[in-house]
C-alpha atoms as a PDB file:
ATOM      1  CA  MET A   1    -127.781 -38.835  30.893  1.00  0.00           C
ATOM      2  CA  ASP A   2    -127.183 -42.488  32.015  1.00  0.00           C
ATOM      3  CA  PRO A   3    -129.649 -45.398  31.549  1.00  0.00           C
ATOM      4  CA  HIS A   4    -128.889 -46.614  35.026  1.00  0.00           C
ATOM      5  CA  VAL A   5    -130.944 -43.889  36.435  1.00  0.00           C
ATOM      6  CA  GLY A   6    -134.639 -44.462  37.315  1.00  0.00           C
ATOM      7  CA  SER A   7    -133.638 -48.336  36.324  1.00  0.00           C
ATOM      8  CA  GLY A   8    -134.158 -49.713  39.773  1.00  0.00           C
ATOM      9  CA  LYS A   9    -130.128 -49.988  39.484  1.00  0.00           C
ATOM     10  CA  ILE A  10    -127.415 -48.916  41.907  1.00  0.00           C
ATOM     11  CA  ILE A  11    -123.977 -48.252  40.264  1.00  0.00           C
ATOM     12  CA  THR A  12    -121.312 -49.629  42.678  1.00  0.00           C
ATOM     13  CA  ALA A  13    -118.298 -49.718  40.300  1.00  0.00           C
ATOM     14  CA  PRO A  14    -116.883 -47.195  37.906  1.00  0.00           C
ATOM     15  CA  ILE A  15    -118.833 -47.511  34.357  1.00  0.00           C
ATOM     16  CA  ILE A  16    -116.273 -44.916  32.563  1.00  0.00           C
ATOM     17  CA  THR A  17    -112.435 -44.294  32.673  1.00  0.00           C
ATOM     18  CA  GLU A  18    -111.052 -40.781  33.503  1.00  0.00           C
ATOM     19  CA  ASP A  19    -110.417 -40.320  29.811  1.00  0.00           C
ATOM     20  CA  GLY A  20    -114.160 -41.018  29.233  1.00  0.00           C
ATOM     21  CA  VAL A  21    -114.066 -44.841  27.676  1.00  0.00           C
ATOM     22  CA  PRO A  22    -117.105 -46.602  28.663  1.00  0.00           C
ATOM     23  CA  ILE A  23    -116.341 -49.522  30.999  1.00  0.00           C
ATOM     24  CA  LYS A  24    -118.217 -52.637  29.819  1.00  0.00           C
ATOM     25  CA  ASP A  25    -116.465 -55.101  32.265  1.00  0.00           C
ATOM     26  CA  PRO A  26    -119.036 -57.967  33.073  1.00  0.00           C
ATOM     27  CA  LEU A  27    -118.284 -57.382  36.664  1.00  0.00           C
ATOM     28  CA  VAL A  28    -119.366 -53.974  36.554  1.00  0.00           C
ATOM     29  CA  LEU A  29    -122.326 -54.711  34.953  1.00  0.00           C
ATOM     30  CA  LEU A  30    -123.186 -57.386  37.628  1.00  0.00           C
ATOM     31  CA  GLU A  31    -122.560 -54.931  40.459  1.00  0.00           C
ATOM     32  CA  ALA A  32    -124.504 -52.129  39.061  1.00  0.00           C
ATOM     33  CA  ALA A  33    -127.766 -54.214  39.048  1.00  0.00           C
ATOM     34  CA  THR A  34    -129.402 -54.983  42.446  1.00  0.00           C
ATOM     35  CA  PRO A  35    -129.531 -58.622  43.270  1.00  0.00           C
ATOM     36  CA  ASP A  36    -133.024 -59.060  41.950  1.00  0.00           C
ATOM     37  CA  GLN A  37    -132.117 -57.414  38.632  1.00  0.00           C
ATOM     38  CA  GLN A  38    -128.706 -58.894  38.166  1.00  0.00           C
ATOM     39  CA  ALA A  39    -127.214 -58.193  34.323  1.00  0.00           C
ATOM     40  CA  SER A  40    -126.475 -61.269  32.161  1.00  0.00           C
ATOM     41  CA  PRO A  41    -122.931 -61.202  32.130  1.00  0.00           C
ATOM     42  CA  ILE A  42    -121.482 -59.863  28.529  1.00  0.00           C
ATOM     43  CA  THR A  43    -118.895 -61.982  26.712  1.00  0.00           C
ATOM     44  CA  THR A  44    -116.439 -60.194  23.750  1.00  0.00           C
ATOM     45  CA  LYS A  45    -115.530 -61.614  20.635  1.00  0.00           C
ATOM     46  CA  ASN A  46    -112.314 -60.667  18.608  1.00  0.00           C
ATOM     47  CA  GLY A  47    -112.072 -57.336  20.656  1.00  0.00           C
ATOM     48  CA  ASP A  48    -115.423 -56.110  19.020  1.00  0.00           C
ATOM     49  CA  GLU A  49    -116.438 -54.580  22.452  1.00  0.00           C
ATOM     50  CA  ALA A  50    -113.140 -52.759  22.938  1.00  0.00           C
ATOM     51  CA  ASN A  51    -113.321 -51.359  19.853  1.00  0.00           C
ATOM     52  CA  GLN A  52    -116.992 -50.228  20.234  1.00  0.00           C
ATOM     53  CA  SER A  53    -116.181 -48.720  23.769  1.00  0.00           C
ATOM     54  CA  SER A  54    -113.378 -46.479  22.121  1.00  0.00           C
ATOM     55  CA  ALA A  55    -116.119 -45.390  19.678  1.00  0.00           C
ATOM     56  CA  ASN A  56    -118.372 -44.413  22.154  1.00  0.00           C
ATOM     57  CA  ARG A  57    -115.794 -42.512  23.903  1.00  0.00           C
ATOM     58  CA  LEU A  58    -117.007 -39.421  25.866  1.00  0.00           C
ATOM     59  CA  THR A  59    -115.471 -36.281  25.364  1.00  0.00           C
ATOM     60  CA  ASP A  60    -117.516 -33.893  27.618  1.00  0.00           C
ATOM     61  CA  LYS A  61    -115.421 -33.182  30.742  1.00  0.00           C
ATOM     62  CA  GLN A  62    -118.643 -32.362  32.668  1.00  0.00           C
ATOM     63  CA  THR A  63    -120.329 -35.456  31.768  1.00  0.00           C
ATOM     64  CA  ILE A  64    -117.217 -37.391  32.351  1.00  0.00           C
ATOM     65  CA  GLU A  65    -116.972 -35.912  35.892  1.00  0.00           C
ATOM     66  CA  TRP A  66    -120.666 -36.577  36.788  1.00  0.00           C
ATOM     67  CA  LYS A  67    -120.419 -40.680  35.500  1.00  0.00           C
ATOM     68  CA  LEU A  68    -117.304 -40.849  37.669  1.00  0.00           C
ATOM     69  CA  THR A  69    -119.155 -39.909  40.998  1.00  0.00           C
ATOM     70  CA  LEU A  70    -122.125 -42.333  40.245  1.00  0.00           C
ATOM     71  CA  HIS A  71    -120.372 -45.515  41.977  1.00  0.00           C
ATOM     72  CA  GLN A  72    -119.219 -43.414  44.956  1.00  0.00           C
ATOM     73  CA  ILE A  73    -122.720 -42.509  45.404  1.00  0.00           C
ATOM     74  CA  GLY A  74    -123.887 -46.097  44.943  1.00  0.00           C
ATOM     75  CA  LEU A  75    -121.159 -47.313  47.780  1.00  0.00           C
ATOM     76  CA  ASP A  76    -122.327 -44.473  50.076  1.00  0.00           C
ATOM     77  CA  VAL A  77    -126.129 -45.325  49.602  1.00  0.00           C
ATOM     78  CA  LEU A  78    -125.286 -48.767  50.744  1.00  0.00           C
ATOM     79  CA  ARG A  79    -123.966 -47.769  54.055  1.00  0.00           C
ATOM     80  CA  THR A  80    -126.720 -45.048  54.497  1.00  0.00           C
ATOM     81  CA  ASP A  81    -129.483 -45.830  57.409  1.00  0.00           C
ATOM     82  CA  ARG A  82    -128.457 -49.427  57.081  1.00  0.00           C
ATOM     83  CA  SER A  83    -130.017 -50.528  60.468  1.00  0.00           C
ATOM     84  CA  MET A  84    -133.671 -49.370  59.021  1.00  0.00           C
ATOM     85  CA  VAL A  85    -136.105 -52.129  57.827  1.00  0.00           C
ATOM     86  CA  PHE A  86    -137.043 -49.321  55.210  1.00  0.00           C
ATOM     87  CA  TYR A  87    -133.814 -50.006  52.938  1.00  0.00           C
ATOM     88  CA  GLU A  88    -134.184 -53.641  52.882  1.00  0.00           C
ATOM     89  CA  LYS A  89    -136.083 -52.880  49.898  1.00  0.00           C
ATOM     90  CA  LYS A  90    -134.010 -52.441  47.230  1.00  0.00           C
ATOM     91  CA  GLU A  91    -136.689 -49.875  45.333  1.00  0.00           C
ATOM     92  CA  ASN A  92    -135.750 -47.679  48.151  1.00  0.00           C
ATOM     93  CA  LEU A  93    -132.076 -47.702  47.942  1.00  0.00           C
ATOM     94  CA  SER A  94    -132.518 -46.960  44.134  1.00  0.00           C
ATOM     95  CA  LYS A  95    -134.755 -44.170  44.790  1.00  0.00           C
ATOM     96  CA  LEU A  96    -132.047 -42.763  46.840  1.00  0.00           C
ATOM     97  CA  TRP A  97    -129.231 -43.186  44.513  1.00  0.00           C
ATOM     98  CA  ASP A  98    -131.467 -41.735  41.596  1.00  0.00           C
ATOM     99  CA  ILE A  99    -132.103 -38.692  43.503  1.00  0.00           C
ATOM    100  CA  LEU A 100    -128.468 -38.189  44.570  1.00  0.00           C
ATOM    101  CA  ALA A 101    -127.425 -39.084  41.055  1.00  0.00           C
ATOM    102  CA  VAL A 102    -129.753 -36.223  39.565  1.00  0.00           C
ATOM    103  CA  TYR A 103    -128.774 -33.640  41.972  1.00  0.00           C
ATOM    104  CA  ALA A 104    -125.441 -34.280  41.537  1.00  0.00           C
ATOM    105  CA  TRP A 105    -125.572 -33.450  37.756  1.00  0.00           C
ATOM    106  CA  ILE A 106    -127.810 -30.307  38.147  1.00  0.00           C
ATOM    107  CA  ASP A 107    -125.560 -28.973  40.920  1.00  0.00           C
ATOM    108  CA  LYS A 108    -122.644 -28.099  38.860  1.00  0.00           C
ATOM    109  CA  GLU A 109    -120.347 -26.253  41.254  1.00  0.00           C
ATOM    110  CA  VAL A 110    -120.673 -28.662  44.168  1.00  0.00           C
ATOM    111  CA  GLY A 111    -121.938 -32.103  42.607  1.00  0.00           C
ATOM    112  CA  TYR A 112    -122.015 -34.758  45.322  1.00  0.00           C
ATOM    113  CA  CYS A 113    -120.381 -34.996  48.269  1.00  0.00           C
ATOM    114  CA  GLN A 114    -120.111 -37.756  50.966  1.00  0.00           C
ATOM    115  CA  GLY A 115    -122.565 -36.883  53.892  1.00  0.00           C
ATOM    116  CA  MET A 116    -125.366 -35.864  51.366  1.00  0.00           C
ATOM    117  CA  SER A 117    -126.841 -39.367  51.244  1.00  0.00           C
ATOM    118  CA  ASP A 118    -127.296 -38.716  55.210  1.00  0.00           C
ATOM    119  CA  LEU A 119    -129.252 -35.446  54.516  1.00  0.00           C
ATOM    120  CA  CYS A 120    -131.278 -36.846  51.415  1.00  0.00           C
ATOM    121  CA  SER A 121    -132.446 -40.115  53.339  1.00  0.00           C
ATOM    122  CA  PRO A 122    -135.164 -38.499  55.505  1.00  0.00           C
ATOM    123  CA  MET A 123    -136.904 -37.408  52.539  1.00  0.00           C
ATOM    124  CA  ILE A 124    -136.948 -40.940  50.864  1.00  0.00           C
ATOM    125  CA  VAL A 125    -138.478 -42.394  53.890  1.00  0.00           C
ATOM    126  CA  LEU A 126    -141.026 -39.445  54.588  1.00  0.00           C
ATOM    127  CA  LEU A 127    -142.309 -39.080  50.991  1.00  0.00           C
ATOM    128  CA  ASN A 128    -143.345 -41.673  48.822  1.00  0.00           C
ATOM    129  CA  ASP A 129    -143.055 -39.696  45.450  1.00  0.00           C
ATOM    130  CA  GLU A 130    -139.535 -39.518  44.412  1.00  0.00           C
ATOM    131  CA  ALA A 131    -140.205 -36.211  42.876  1.00  0.00           C
ATOM    132  CA  ASP A 132    -141.407 -34.757  45.907  1.00  0.00           C
ATOM    133  CA  ALA A 133    -138.464 -36.292  47.948  1.00  0.00           C
ATOM    134  CA  PHE A 134    -136.082 -34.844  45.107  1.00  0.00           C
ATOM    135  CA  TRP A 135    -137.262 -31.459  45.319  1.00  0.00           C
ATOM    136  CA  CYS A 136    -137.604 -31.320  48.897  1.00  0.00           C
ATOM    137  CA  PHE A 137    -133.690 -32.612  48.915  1.00  0.00           C
ATOM    138  CA  GLU A 138    -132.909 -29.788  46.506  1.00  0.00           C
ATOM    139  CA  ARG A 139    -134.469 -26.948  48.491  1.00  0.00           C
ATOM    140  CA  LEU A 140    -132.572 -28.419  51.761  1.00  0.00           C
ATOM    141  CA  MET A 141    -129.367 -28.380  49.781  1.00  0.00           C
ATOM    142  CA  ARG A 142    -129.832 -24.681  48.711  1.00  0.00           C
ATOM    143  CA  ARG A 143    -129.663 -23.906  52.550  1.00  0.00           C
ATOM    144  CA  LEU A 144    -126.819 -26.567  53.134  1.00  0.00           C
ATOM    145  CA  ARG A 145    -124.775 -26.828  50.128  1.00  0.00           C
ATOM    146  CA  GLY A 146    -122.132 -23.922  51.426  1.00  0.00           C
ATOM    147  CA  ASN A 147    -121.108 -26.415  53.894  1.00  0.00           C
ATOM    148  CA  PHE A 148    -119.874 -28.821  51.072  1.00  0.00           C
ATOM    149  CA  ARG A 149    -118.209 -26.373  48.848  1.00  0.00           C
ATOM    150  CA  CYS A 150    -114.376 -27.184  49.474  1.00  0.00           C
ATOM    151  CA  THR A 151    -111.459 -25.971  47.986  1.00  0.00           C
ATOM    152  CA  GLN A 152    -107.735 -26.899  48.721  1.00  0.00           C
ATOM    153  CA  GLN A 153    -107.413 -23.594  50.975  1.00  0.00           C
ATOM    154  CA  SER A 154    -110.751 -24.310  52.807  1.00  0.00           C
ATOM    155  CA  VAL A 155    -113.581 -26.480  53.756  1.00  0.00           C
ATOM    156  CA  GLY A 156    -117.172 -25.590  53.343  1.00  0.00           C
ATOM    157  CA  VAL A 157    -118.107 -25.332  57.147  1.00  0.00           C
ATOM    158  CA  GLU A 158    -114.876 -23.016  57.783  1.00  0.00           C
ATOM    159  CA  ASN A 159    -116.998 -20.213  58.827  1.00  0.00           C
ATOM    160  CA  GLN A 160    -119.172 -21.985  61.426  1.00  0.00           C
ATOM    161  CA  LEU A 161    -115.912 -24.087  62.957  1.00  0.00           C
ATOM    162  CA  GLN A 162    -114.548 -20.134  63.048  1.00  0.00           C
ATOM    163  CA  HIS A 163    -117.522 -19.038  64.823  1.00  0.00           C
ATOM    164  CA  LEU A 164    -117.591 -21.875  67.192  1.00  0.00           C
ATOM    165  CA  ALA A 165    -114.008 -21.417  68.420  1.00  0.00           C
ATOM    166  CA  SER A 166    -114.972 -17.857  68.913  1.00  0.00           C
ATOM    167  CA  ILE A 167    -118.199 -19.075  70.907  1.00  0.00           C
ATOM    168  CA  ILE A 168    -115.904 -21.259  73.012  1.00  0.00           C
ATOM    169  CA  GLN A 169    -113.221 -18.942  73.835  1.00  0.00           C
ATOM    170  CA  VAL A 170    -116.017 -16.601  75.017  1.00  0.00           C
ATOM    171  CA  LEU A 171    -117.994 -18.969  77.122  1.00  0.00           C
ATOM    172  CA  ASP A 172    -115.169 -21.626  78.099  1.00  0.00           C
ATOM    173  CA  PRO A 173    -111.718 -20.101  77.755  1.00  0.00           C
ATOM    174  CA  LYS A 174    -110.331 -22.880  79.745  1.00  0.00           C
ATOM    175  CA  LEU A 175    -111.735 -25.504  77.345  1.00  0.00           C
ATOM    176  CA  HIS A 176    -110.719 -23.339  74.446  1.00  0.00           C
ATOM    177  CA  ASP A 177    -107.167 -23.180  75.695  1.00  0.00           C
ATOM    178  CA  HIS A 178    -107.078 -27.048  76.220  1.00  0.00           C
ATOM    179  CA  LEU A 179    -108.203 -27.882  72.822  1.00  0.00           C
ATOM    180  CA  GLU A 180    -105.877 -25.425  71.139  1.00  0.00           C
ATOM    181  CA  THR A 181    -102.718 -27.110  73.191  1.00  0.00           C
ATOM    182  CA  LEU A 182    -104.023 -30.532  71.771  1.00  0.00           C
ATOM    183  CA  GLY A 183    -103.882 -29.144  68.374  1.00  0.00           C
ATOM    184  CA  GLY A 184    -107.667 -28.847  68.023  1.00  0.00           C
ATOM    185  CA  GLY A 185    -108.104 -25.076  67.971  1.00  0.00           C
ATOM    186  CA  ASP A 186    -109.210 -25.267  64.369  1.00  0.00           C
ATOM    187  CA  TYR A 187    -112.247 -27.276  65.787  1.00  0.00           C
ATOM    188  CA  LEU A 188    -112.162 -29.711  62.702  1.00  0.00           C
ATOM    189  CA  PHE A 189    -113.252 -32.624  65.210  1.00  0.00           C
ATOM    190  CA  ALA A 190    -116.761 -31.041  64.774  1.00  0.00           C
ATOM    191  CA  PHE A 191    -116.719 -31.207  61.232  1.00  0.00           C
ATOM    192  CA  ARG A 192    -119.118 -34.149  60.856  1.00  0.00           C
ATOM    193  CA  MET A 193    -121.926 -32.757  63.327  1.00  0.00           C
ATOM    194  CA  PHE A 194    -122.241 -29.584  60.954  1.00  0.00           C
ATOM    195  CA  MET A 195    -122.113 -31.644  57.680  1.00  0.00           C
ATOM    196  CA  VAL A 196    -124.884 -34.098  58.143  1.00  0.00           C
ATOM    197  CA  LEU A 197    -126.788 -31.796  61.142  1.00  0.00           C
ATOM    198  CA  PHE A 198    -126.464 -34.684  63.713  1.00  0.00           C
ATOM    199  CA  ARG A 199    -127.705 -37.249  61.664  1.00  0.00           C
ATOM    200  CA  ARG A 200    -124.879 -39.560  63.060  1.00  0.00           C
ATOM    201  CA  GLU A 201    -125.273 -38.454  66.671  1.00  0.00           C
ATOM    202  CA  LEU A 202    -128.753 -38.856  67.085  1.00  0.00           C
ATOM    203  CA  SER A 203    -131.280 -41.968  66.043  1.00  0.00           C
ATOM    204  CA  PHE A 204    -133.249 -41.169  62.861  1.00  0.00           C
ATOM    205  CA  GLY A 205    -136.477 -39.930  64.523  1.00  0.00           C
ATOM    206  CA  ASP A 206    -134.640 -37.725  67.097  1.00  0.00           C
ATOM    207  CA  SER A 207    -132.445 -36.184  64.383  1.00  0.00           C
ATOM    208  CA  LEU A 208    -135.616 -34.962  62.396  1.00  0.00           C
ATOM    209  CA  TYR A 209    -137.083 -33.845  65.740  1.00  0.00           C
ATOM    210  CA  LEU A 210    -133.938 -31.792  66.158  1.00  0.00           C
ATOM    211  CA  TRP A 211    -133.835 -30.417  62.788  1.00  0.00           C
ATOM    212  CA  GLU A 212    -137.724 -29.430  63.098  1.00  0.00           C
ATOM    213  CA  MET A 213    -136.695 -27.514  66.363  1.00  0.00           C
ATOM    214  CA  MET A 214    -133.754 -25.893  64.878  1.00  0.00           C
ATOM    215  CA  TRP A 215    -135.774 -24.742  61.969  1.00  0.00           C
ATOM    216  CA  ALA A 216    -138.808 -23.478  63.750  1.00  0.00           C
ATOM    217  CA  LEU A 217    -136.250 -21.514  66.182  1.00  0.00           C
ATOM    218  CA  GLU A 218    -134.507 -19.984  63.358  1.00  0.00           C
ATOM    219  CA  TYR A 219    -137.552 -19.103  61.230  1.00  0.00           C
ATOM    220  CA  ASP A 220    -137.812 -16.111  59.354  1.00  0.00           C
ATOM    221  CA  PRO A 221    -140.912 -15.552  56.902  1.00  0.00           C
ATOM    222  CA  ASP A 222    -138.793 -14.243  54.109  1.00  0.00           C
ATOM    223  CA  MET A 223    -136.089 -16.805  54.474  1.00  0.00           C
ATOM    224  CA  PHE A 224    -137.269 -18.817  51.125  1.00  0.00           C
ATOM    225  CA  SER A 225    -136.185 -15.950  49.162  1.00  0.00           C
ATOM    226  CA  THR A 226    -132.633 -15.981  50.168  1.00  0.00           C
ATOM    227  CA  TYR A 227    -132.743 -19.376  48.521  1.00  0.00           C
ATOM    228  CA  GLU A 228    -134.403 -18.529  44.918  1.00  0.00           C
ATOM    229  CA  GLU A 229    -132.388 -17.953  42.289  1.00  0.00           C
ATOM    230  CA  SER A 230    -132.000 -14.300  40.849  1.00  0.00           C
ATOM    231  CA  GLY A 231    -133.716 -13.714  37.348  1.00  0.00           C
ATOM    232  CA  PRO A 232    -136.619 -12.663  35.859  1.00  0.00           C
ATOM    233  CA  ALA A 233    -138.979 -15.246  37.414  1.00  0.00           C
ATOM    234  CA  THR A 234    -137.883 -14.541  40.820  1.00  0.00           C
ATOM    235  CA  ASP A 235    -136.329 -11.145  41.643  1.00  0.00           C
ATOM    236  CA  ARG A 236    -138.923  -9.841  43.537  1.00  0.00           C
ATOM    237  CA  SER A 237    -137.042  -6.287  43.380  1.00  0.00           C
ATOM    238  CA  ALA A 238    -137.221  -5.882  39.844  1.00  0.00           C
ATOM    239  CA  GLN A 239    -141.218  -6.433  39.958  1.00  0.00           C
ATOM    240  CA  GLY A 240    -141.516  -3.942  42.499  1.00  0.00           C
ATOM    241  CA  TYR A 241    -142.163  -6.065  45.283  1.00  0.00           C
ATOM    242  CA  LYS A 242    -141.781  -4.573  48.889  1.00  0.00           C
ATOM    243  CA  PRO A 243    -142.104  -7.295  51.949  1.00  0.00           C
ATOM    244  CA  ARG A 244    -144.785  -6.290  54.275  1.00  0.00           C
ATOM    245  CA  VAL A 245    -143.625  -5.281  57.587  1.00  0.00           C
ATOM    246  CA  LYS A 246    -143.996  -8.362  59.766  1.00  0.00           C
ATOM    247  CA  SER A 247    -144.564  -8.581  63.334  1.00  0.00           C
ATOM    248  CA  THR A 248    -141.301 -10.372  65.445  1.00  0.00           C
ATOM    249  CA  ARG A 249    -143.880 -12.731  66.802  1.00  0.00           C
ATOM    250  CA  GLN A 250    -143.808 -14.599  63.440  1.00  0.00           C
ATOM    251  CA  PHE A 251    -140.254 -15.079  63.662  1.00  0.00           C
ATOM    252  CA  GLY A 252    -138.635 -17.987  65.580  1.00  0.00           C
ATOM    253  CA  LYS A 253    -137.418 -17.716  69.092  1.00  0.00           C
ATOM    254  CA  TYR A 254    -133.716 -17.679  68.154  1.00  0.00           C
ATOM    255  CA  GLU A 255    -133.912 -15.300  65.088  1.00  0.00           C
ATOM    256  CA  ARG A 256    -135.896 -12.791  67.661  1.00  0.00           C
ATOM    257  CA  ALA A 257    -133.052 -12.793  69.948  1.00  0.00           C
ATOM    258  CA  ASN A 258    -130.907 -12.181  67.077  1.00  0.00           C
ATOM    259  CA  MET A 259    -133.069  -9.215  65.870  1.00  0.00           C
ATOM    260  CA  LYS A 260    -133.172  -7.662  69.323  1.00  0.00           C
ATOM    261  CA  SER A 261    -129.484  -7.648  69.696  1.00  0.00           C
ATOM    262  CA  ALA A 262    -128.571  -6.736  66.257  1.00  0.00           C
ATOM    263  CA  THR A 263    -126.203  -9.596  65.335  1.00  0.00           C
ATOM    264  CA  ASN A 264    -126.786 -10.511  61.970  1.00  0.00           C
ATOM    265  CA  GLY A 265    -123.565  -9.768  59.907  1.00  0.00           C
ATOM    266  CA  VAL A 266    -122.966  -9.701  56.476  1.00  0.00           C
ATOM    267  CA  ASP A 267    -123.020 -13.035  56.143  1.00  0.00           C
ATOM    268  CA  GLY A 268    -126.519 -13.281  58.355  1.00  0.00           C
ATOM    269  CA  PRO A 269    -126.931 -14.575  61.774  1.00  0.00           C
ATOM    270  CA  VAL A 270    -124.841 -17.289  63.333  1.00  0.00           C
ATOM    271  CA  PRO A 271    -126.797 -20.850  62.465  1.00  0.00           C
ATOM    272  CA  ILE A 272    -128.004 -22.341  65.659  1.00  0.00           C
ATOM    273  CA  SER A 273    -126.078 -25.407  64.650  1.00  0.00           C
ATOM    274  CA  VAL A 274    -123.152 -23.704  65.886  1.00  0.00           C
ATOM    275  CA  PHE A 275    -124.679 -23.410  69.605  1.00  0.00           C
ATOM    276  CA  LEU A 276    -125.875 -26.754  69.395  1.00  0.00           C
ATOM    277  CA  VAL A 277    -122.357 -27.986  68.938  1.00  0.00           C
ATOM    278  CA  ALA A 278    -121.172 -25.481  71.470  1.00  0.00           C
ATOM    279  CA  SER A 279    -123.656 -26.935  74.003  1.00  0.00           C
ATOM    280  CA  VAL A 280    -122.446 -30.543  73.187  1.00  0.00           C
ATOM    281  CA  LEU A 281    -118.613 -29.182  74.009  1.00  0.00           C
ATOM    282  CA  LYS A 282    -119.903 -27.671  76.917  1.00  0.00           C
ATOM    283  CA  GLU A 283    -121.742 -30.783  78.224  1.00  0.00           C
ATOM    284  CA  ASN A 284    -118.639 -32.801  78.009  1.00  0.00           C
ATOM    285  CA  SER A 285    -116.528 -29.902  78.785  1.00  0.00           C
ATOM    286  CA  GLN A 286    -115.292 -31.657  82.168  1.00  0.00           C
ATOM    287  CA  LYS A 287    -114.458 -34.875  80.350  1.00  0.00           C
ATOM    288  CA  LEU A 288    -112.542 -33.149  77.800  1.00  0.00           C
ATOM    289  CA  LEU A 289    -110.269 -31.220  80.211  1.00  0.00           C
ATOM    290  CA  GLN A 290    -109.766 -34.316  82.184  1.00  0.00           C
ATOM    291  CA  GLU A 291    -109.347 -37.020  80.046  1.00  0.00           C
ATOM    292  CA  ALA A 292    -108.545 -35.474  76.533  1.00  0.00           C
ATOM    293  CA  ARG A 293    -104.513 -35.725  75.714  1.00  0.00           C
ATOM    294  CA  GLY A 294    -104.681 -35.593  72.088  1.00  0.00           C
ATOM    295  CA  LEU A 295    -106.953 -35.074  69.025  1.00  0.00           C
ATOM    296  CA  ASP A 296    -107.822 -38.995  69.047  1.00  0.00           C
ATOM    297  CA  ASP A 297    -109.169 -38.573  72.785  1.00  0.00           C
ATOM    298  CA  ILE A 298    -111.324 -35.360  71.819  1.00  0.00           C
ATOM    299  CA  ILE A 299    -113.028 -37.649  68.788  1.00  0.00           C
ATOM    300  CA  ARG A 300    -113.246 -40.522  70.973  1.00  0.00           C
ATOM    301  CA  ILE A 301    -115.297 -38.450  73.712  1.00  0.00           C
ATOM    302  CA  LEU A 302    -117.419 -36.731  71.321  1.00  0.00           C
ATOM    303  CA  ASN A 303    -118.057 -40.300  69.392  1.00  0.00           C
ATOM    304  CA  ASN A 304    -119.602 -41.358  72.626  1.00  0.00           C
ATOM    305  CA  VAL A 305    -122.137 -38.688  72.452  1.00  0.00           C
ATOM    306  CA  ASN A 306    -123.801 -41.007  69.693  1.00  0.00           C
ATOM    307  CA  GLY A 307    -127.035 -42.352  70.838  1.00  0.00           C
ATOM    308  CA  ASN A 308    -126.715 -40.099  74.235  1.00  0.00           C
ATOM    309  CA  LEU A 309    -127.701 -36.916  72.985  1.00  0.00           C
ATOM    310  CA  ASP A 310    -131.290 -35.609  73.588  1.00  0.00           C
ATOM    311  CA  ALA A 311    -132.864 -33.197  71.050  1.00  0.00           C
ATOM    312  CA  LYS A 312    -134.762 -31.165  73.168  1.00  0.00           C
ATOM    313  CA  LYS A 313    -132.050 -31.046  75.919  1.00  0.00           C
ATOM    314  CA  ALA A 314    -129.649 -30.050  73.155  1.00  0.00           C
ATOM    315  CA  CYS A 315    -131.868 -27.036  71.963  1.00  0.00           C
ATOM    316  CA  ALA A 316    -132.508 -25.735  75.341  1.00  0.00           C
ATOM    317  CA  GLY A 317    -128.666 -25.761  76.189  1.00  0.00           C
ATOM    318  CA  ALA A 318    -128.182 -24.018  72.646  1.00  0.00           C
ATOM    319  CA  LEU A 319    -130.660 -21.133  73.513  1.00  0.00           C
ATOM    320  CA  LYS A 320    -128.991 -20.542  76.729  1.00  0.00           C
ATOM    321  CA  LEU A 321    -125.838 -20.565  75.455  1.00  0.00           C
ATOM    322  CA  HIS A 322    -126.855 -17.977  72.600  1.00  0.00           C
ATOM    323  CA  ALA A 323    -128.297 -15.636  75.118  1.00  0.00           C
ATOM    324  CA  LYS A 324    -125.300 -15.825  77.408  1.00  0.00           C
ATOM    325  CA  TYR A 325    -122.953 -15.184  74.286  1.00  0.00           C
ATOM    326  CA  LEU A 326    -125.174 -12.095  73.406  1.00  0.00           C
ATOM    327  CA  ARG A 327    -125.012 -10.682  76.809  1.00  0.00           C
ATOM    328  CA  LYS A 328    -121.092 -11.379  77.131  1.00  0.00           C
ATOM    329  CA  MET A 329    -120.641  -9.525  73.744  1.00  0.00           C
ATOM    330  CA  GLN A 330    -122.971  -6.484  74.412  1.00  0.00           C
ATOM    331  CA  GLY A 331    -120.984  -6.341  77.550  1.00  0.00           C
ATOM    332  CA  LYS A 332    -117.746  -6.041  75.669  1.00  0.00           C
ATOM    333  CA  LYS A 333    -119.333  -3.389  73.288  1.00  0.00           C
ATOM    334  CA  ALA A 334    -120.326  -1.340  76.352  1.00  0.00           C
END
C-alpha cells in the first residue's frame, strides 16, 4: 500500500494531500527517513515533478485517509516509551511504526488512534518477530478496540466511565457528589487510564505485571471466542459445537465472583479496569475532597499517582471494592 512500510523508515510529515495528491517535498522525504537512512533531496525541473504528482493522484477515499494517518503514527511512535534503551535502535522504532500502520489499514472502522502505540509497544519489546508482535497486538485490539470507537456524540470508553460513576456513587457518595459539583461527574478525567490501561501511571514492567494480573482475574476459558469474527471458519454453532461444562475453578477470581452474583449484563461483566480506577479514586478520596477546587485540581492530583501506584496493591483494592459493590447491590435488590 505504501513503499515506506517495511522499509525501516518512519513517516513524520504528510506524504499526501487531502485531495489525494502525493507530496514530493524534499523536506518530507528527509523526515520520512531515519537518521541513518536519510533520503537524498529531490530537485524539480520545469514543473515536471508537480505534473507527475498530479498524474499520480489517488481517488480511493479509504487509501487517502490511511495515508493521511501515517505521519501522525510516526509522531506518536517517536514519543512512545522514549526513556527505554530499546527504542534507541531505529529498527525497533520502525517495527512499532510498521505494525501500527498495517493495523490502521486492516481495521477499517477504527483505524489508528492515539494511545494505540502505548498498547503495541510491549509487544515489540517482548517479541522479536515482527509478525508475532503484530498478531498479538491485533488480538489485544479485538478486546480493546471499542475504547477507541469515538463519534461526535460519544467516546469509546463511555460505558466504562458510566460504570465508574455508578460504582463511586454507591461506594463513596460524598466523593461522587464533590466531583459532580466540580464538573467532573462525567469522569472524563479517568479517560487515559482506560484508554491505555495504566501505561502512563505505571512503569513499563509494572504495567505489564498489572495487565497479567487483570487478565488472570478476568479469565474465562471461552473468552477467545467472543473476539473471533463470525463466519464459516469460526462460527462454532454452525458446526454443531457445544462448549463443555467447565468447573468454576477454571475461571479467574474476579470472573467467579461475577458468575456467583449473576451480574453479567447484556454487555458482559464490568471490566476489572473500572474497579482499578475506582480504587485509585478511593485511595485519593481525602486529597480530592480537601484539595480539589476544579477539574484542573482533579487532574493534577491523579497525575501525581504516576510512579506511585503499586500494581499488586491496586488489584487487591479493586477486588475488595468489587466484593463490597456486589454486596451493596445485592442488598438493594433484597
